[in-house]
Amino acid sequence: MRVKTGFVRRRRHKKILKLARGFYSGRRKHFRKAKEQLERSMYYAFRDRKQKKRDFRSLWIVRINAACRMNDITYSKFMHGLKLANIDLDRKVLADMVMHDMPSFNQVVEMAKKALK
């Protein structure tokens, strides 16, 4: 006697099609197309969770560099000066200071310049 997969298949298909809600056209309605699109979407989601961290770090560096140049110092010299001055502020915090509290960032730059001399 052969075994039919009715219940198991329906449950598997429903799981995939539920995840495919919001996709366009047949990618939401047809199991095979939905499964292919879902694999690709999950791959992109996994990859881009890592990529987002890189993108934000580079954005912070661009902002810090622009603010440093306004204070007549390069980004690399500024970061080296922070190390010498034992100031442990990460790039996220420094970029936030640039955006919201420029006077305090200018003070940090002056401290880094003093440490370089």
Protein backbone atom coordinates (compact mmCIF):
# COMPACT_ATOMS: atom_id res chain seq x y z
CA MET A 1 0.00 0.00 0.00
CA ARG A 2 1.45 3.37 -0.96
CA VAL A 3 1.61 6.30 1.40
CA LYS A 4 0.19 9.60 0.21
CA THR A 5 1.72 12.87 1.41
CA GLY A 6 -1.44 14.97 1.48
CA PHE A 7 -1.34 16.33 5.00
CA VAL A 8 2.45 16.70 5.23
CA ARG A 9 2.71 18.35 1.81
CA ARG A 10 -0.10 20.78 2.53
CA ARG A 11 1.49 21.76 5.84
CA ARG A 12 4.89 22.28 4.16
CA HIS A 13 3.36 24.30 1.32
CA LYS A 14 1.33 26.45 3.69
CA LYS A 15 4.46 27.24 5.71
CA ILE A 16 6.32 28.43 2.58
CA LEU A 17 3.36 30.36 1.17
CA LYS A 18 2.78 32.07 4.52
CA LEU A 19 6.37 33.34 4.47
CA ALA A 20 5.94 34.47 0.85
CA ARG A 21 3.14 36.92 1.64
CA GLY A 22 3.89 40.31 0.15
CA PHE A 23 5.79 38.90 -2.82
CA TYR A 24 4.65 39.95 -6.29
CA SER A 25 2.34 37.90 -8.53
CA GLY A 26 3.06 34.16 -8.82
CA ARG A 27 5.88 34.37 -6.34
CA ARG A 28 3.25 34.61 -3.66
CA LYS A 29 0.72 32.11 -5.09
CA HIS A 30 2.68 29.25 -6.66
CA PHE A 31 4.62 26.99 -4.33
CA ARG A 32 7.66 26.40 -6.52
CA LYS A 33 8.11 30.05 -7.44
CA ALA A 34 7.50 31.09 -3.82
CA LYS A 35 10.08 28.59 -2.57
CA GLU A 36 12.72 29.79 -5.05
CA GLN A 37 12.08 33.43 -4.20
CA LEU A 38 12.07 32.71 -0.48
CA GLU A 39 15.48 30.99 -0.65
CA ARG A 40 16.88 34.01 -2.47
CA SER A 41 15.21 36.42 -0.03
CA MET A 42 16.54 34.58 3.00
CA TYR A 43 20.04 34.60 1.49
CA TYR A 44 19.88 38.35 0.92
CA ALA A 45 18.50 38.95 4.42
CA PHE A 46 21.33 36.95 6.02
CA ARG A 47 24.00 38.60 3.89
CA ASP A 48 22.70 42.12 4.40
CA ARG A 49 22.47 41.84 8.17
CA LYS A 50 26.26 41.61 8.04
CA GLN A 51 26.54 44.26 5.31
CA LYS A 52 24.52 46.75 7.36
CA LYS A 53 27.19 46.78 10.06
CA ARG A 54 29.87 47.60 7.48
CA ASP A 55 27.74 50.29 5.86
CA PHE A 56 27.09 52.06 9.15
CA ARG A 57 30.74 51.92 10.18
CA SER A 58 31.79 53.52 6.89
CA LEU A 59 29.08 56.19 7.28
CA TRP A 60 30.36 57.02 10.77
CA ILE A 61 33.92 57.28 9.45
CA VAL A 62 32.83 59.66 6.67
CA ARG A 63 31.04 61.90 9.18
CA ILE A 64 33.96 61.92 11.63
CA ASN A 65 36.43 62.63 8.84
CA ALA A 66 34.36 65.59 7.59
CA ALA A 67 34.20 67.06 11.09
CA CYS A 68 37.92 66.49 11.65
CA ARG A 69 38.81 68.30 8.45
CA MET A 70 36.80 71.29 9.69
CA ASN A 71 39.18 71.26 12.68
CA ASP A 72 42.33 70.99 10.51
CA ILE A 73 43.20 67.37 11.29
CA THR A 74 42.87 64.19 9.27
CA TYR A 75 40.76 61.24 10.40
CA SER A 76 43.73 58.92 10.88
CA LYS A 77 45.70 61.45 12.95
CA PHE A 78 42.59 62.15 15.02
CA MET A 79 42.05 58.46 15.79
CA HIS A 80 45.74 58.05 16.64
CA GLY A 81 45.52 61.08 18.93
CA LEU A 82 42.50 59.56 20.70
CA LYS A 83 44.50 56.39 21.34
CA LEU A 84 47.43 58.37 22.73
CA ALA A 85 45.10 60.43 24.94
CA ASN A 86 43.44 57.22 26.25
CA ILE A 87 40.01 58.37 25.08
CA ASP A 88 37.90 55.27 24.49
CA LEU A 89 35.04 56.53 22.32
CA ASP A 90 33.91 54.32 19.47
CA ARG A 91 33.06 55.60 16.01
CA LYS A 92 29.33 55.36 16.61
CA VAL A 93 29.50 57.70 19.60
CA LEU A 94 31.88 60.08 17.83
CA ALA A 95 29.61 60.29 14.78
CA ASP A 96 26.64 60.96 17.04
CA MET A 97 28.59 63.77 18.70
CA VAL A 98 29.33 65.24 15.27
CA MET A 99 25.65 65.22 14.37
CA HIS A 100 24.17 66.47 17.66
CA ASP A 101 26.87 68.08 19.82
CA MET A 102 29.60 69.70 17.74
CA PRO A 103 31.16 71.81 20.55
CA SER A 104 31.93 68.73 22.64
CA PHE A 105 33.37 66.99 19.55
CA ASN A 106 35.62 70.01 19.01
CA GLN A 107 36.89 69.61 22.59
CA VAL A 108 37.68 65.94 21.92
CA VAL A 109 39.58 66.99 18.78
CA GLU A 110 41.63 69.49 20.79
CA MET A 111 42.48 66.79 23.34
CA ALA A 112 43.57 64.46 20.52
CA LYS A 113 45.72 67.24 19.00
CA LYS A 114 47.42 67.86 22.37
CA ALA A 115 48.19 64.16 22.72
CA LEU A 116 49.83 64.12 19.29
CA LYS A 117 52.29 66.88 20.26
